[in-house]
Amino acid sequence: MFAKNMRTWDRILRIVVGAALIIAFFMGVGGSWNWAFLIGIVPLVTGVLGSCPAYSVFGIKTSG
């Protein structure tokens, strides 16, 4: 479905950062800006899929 264009370290980093942002959302860390932590969905999903649409558009490929 999607061409894999990320290395393992890139995927792990995205999953960790995405999960941390979503956890912060559920903990209510941001006060009135709490909703902004939902941006963590993007790196989480791209990390799980192993494909980043922005990488495809700009011709970036961290995979071997």
Protein backbone atom coordinates (compact mmCIF):
# COMPACT_ATOMS: atom_id res chain seq x y z
CA MET A 1 0.00 0.00 0.00
CA PHE A 2 2.62 2.55 1.08
CA ALA A 3 6.27 2.39 0.09
CA LYS A 4 8.46 2.07 3.16
CA ASN A 5 10.78 5.08 3.26
CA MET A 6 11.98 5.08 6.88
CA ARG A 7 14.72 3.24 8.73
CA THR A 8 14.08 1.48 12.02
CA TRP A 9 15.54 4.31 14.14
CA ASP A 10 13.29 6.82 12.38
CA ARG A 11 10.21 4.67 13.00
CA ILE A 12 11.07 4.09 16.68
CA LEU A 13 11.68 7.80 17.27
CA ARG A 14 8.35 8.73 15.68
CA ILE A 15 6.46 6.11 17.68
CA VAL A 16 8.03 7.22 20.98
CA VAL A 17 7.44 10.94 20.34
CA GLY A 18 3.89 10.34 19.09
CA ALA A 19 3.01 8.16 22.07
CA ALA A 20 4.50 10.70 24.50
CA LEU A 21 2.41 13.51 22.99
CA ILE A 22 -0.78 11.45 23.13
CA ILE A 23 -0.07 10.45 26.74
CA ALA A 24 0.45 14.14 27.58
CA PHE A 25 -2.94 14.87 25.99
CA PHE A 26 -4.70 12.31 28.18
CA MET A 27 -2.88 13.57 31.28
CA GLY A 28 -4.13 17.10 30.59
CA VAL A 29 -0.65 18.62 30.69
CA GLY A 30 -1.26 21.53 28.30
CA GLY A 31 -4.12 23.30 30.04
CA SER A 32 -6.19 25.14 27.46
CA TRP A 33 -3.70 24.06 24.75
CA ASN A 34 -4.13 20.38 25.64
CA TRP A 35 -5.71 19.64 22.23
CA ALA A 36 -2.39 20.54 20.52
CA PHE A 37 -0.88 17.30 21.84
CA LEU A 38 -3.14 15.41 19.42
CA ILE A 39 -0.56 16.23 16.72
CA GLY A 40 1.18 13.16 18.18
CA ILE A 41 -1.19 11.06 16.08
CA VAL A 42 0.78 12.00 12.93
CA PRO A 43 4.23 10.72 13.97
CA LEU A 44 2.65 7.70 15.64
CA VAL A 45 0.77 6.64 12.51
CA THR A 46 3.68 7.33 10.13
CA GLY A 47 6.02 5.42 12.45
CA VAL A 48 3.73 2.42 12.61
CA LEU A 49 3.20 2.40 8.83
CA GLY A 50 6.89 3.00 8.08
CA SER A 51 5.99 5.53 5.42
CA CYS A 52 5.98 9.32 5.56
CA PRO A 53 4.01 11.16 2.87
CA ALA A 54 6.17 14.28 3.29
CA TYR A 55 9.29 12.17 2.64
CA SER A 56 7.70 10.96 -0.59
CA VAL A 57 6.84 14.48 -1.75
CA PHE A 58 10.35 15.82 -1.08
CA GLY A 59 12.17 12.68 -2.24
CA ILE A 60 13.65 11.92 1.20
CA LYS A 61 14.34 8.30 2.09
CA THR A 62 15.99 7.22 5.33
CA SER A 63 15.59 3.54 4.47
CA GLY A 64 18.42 1.63 2.81
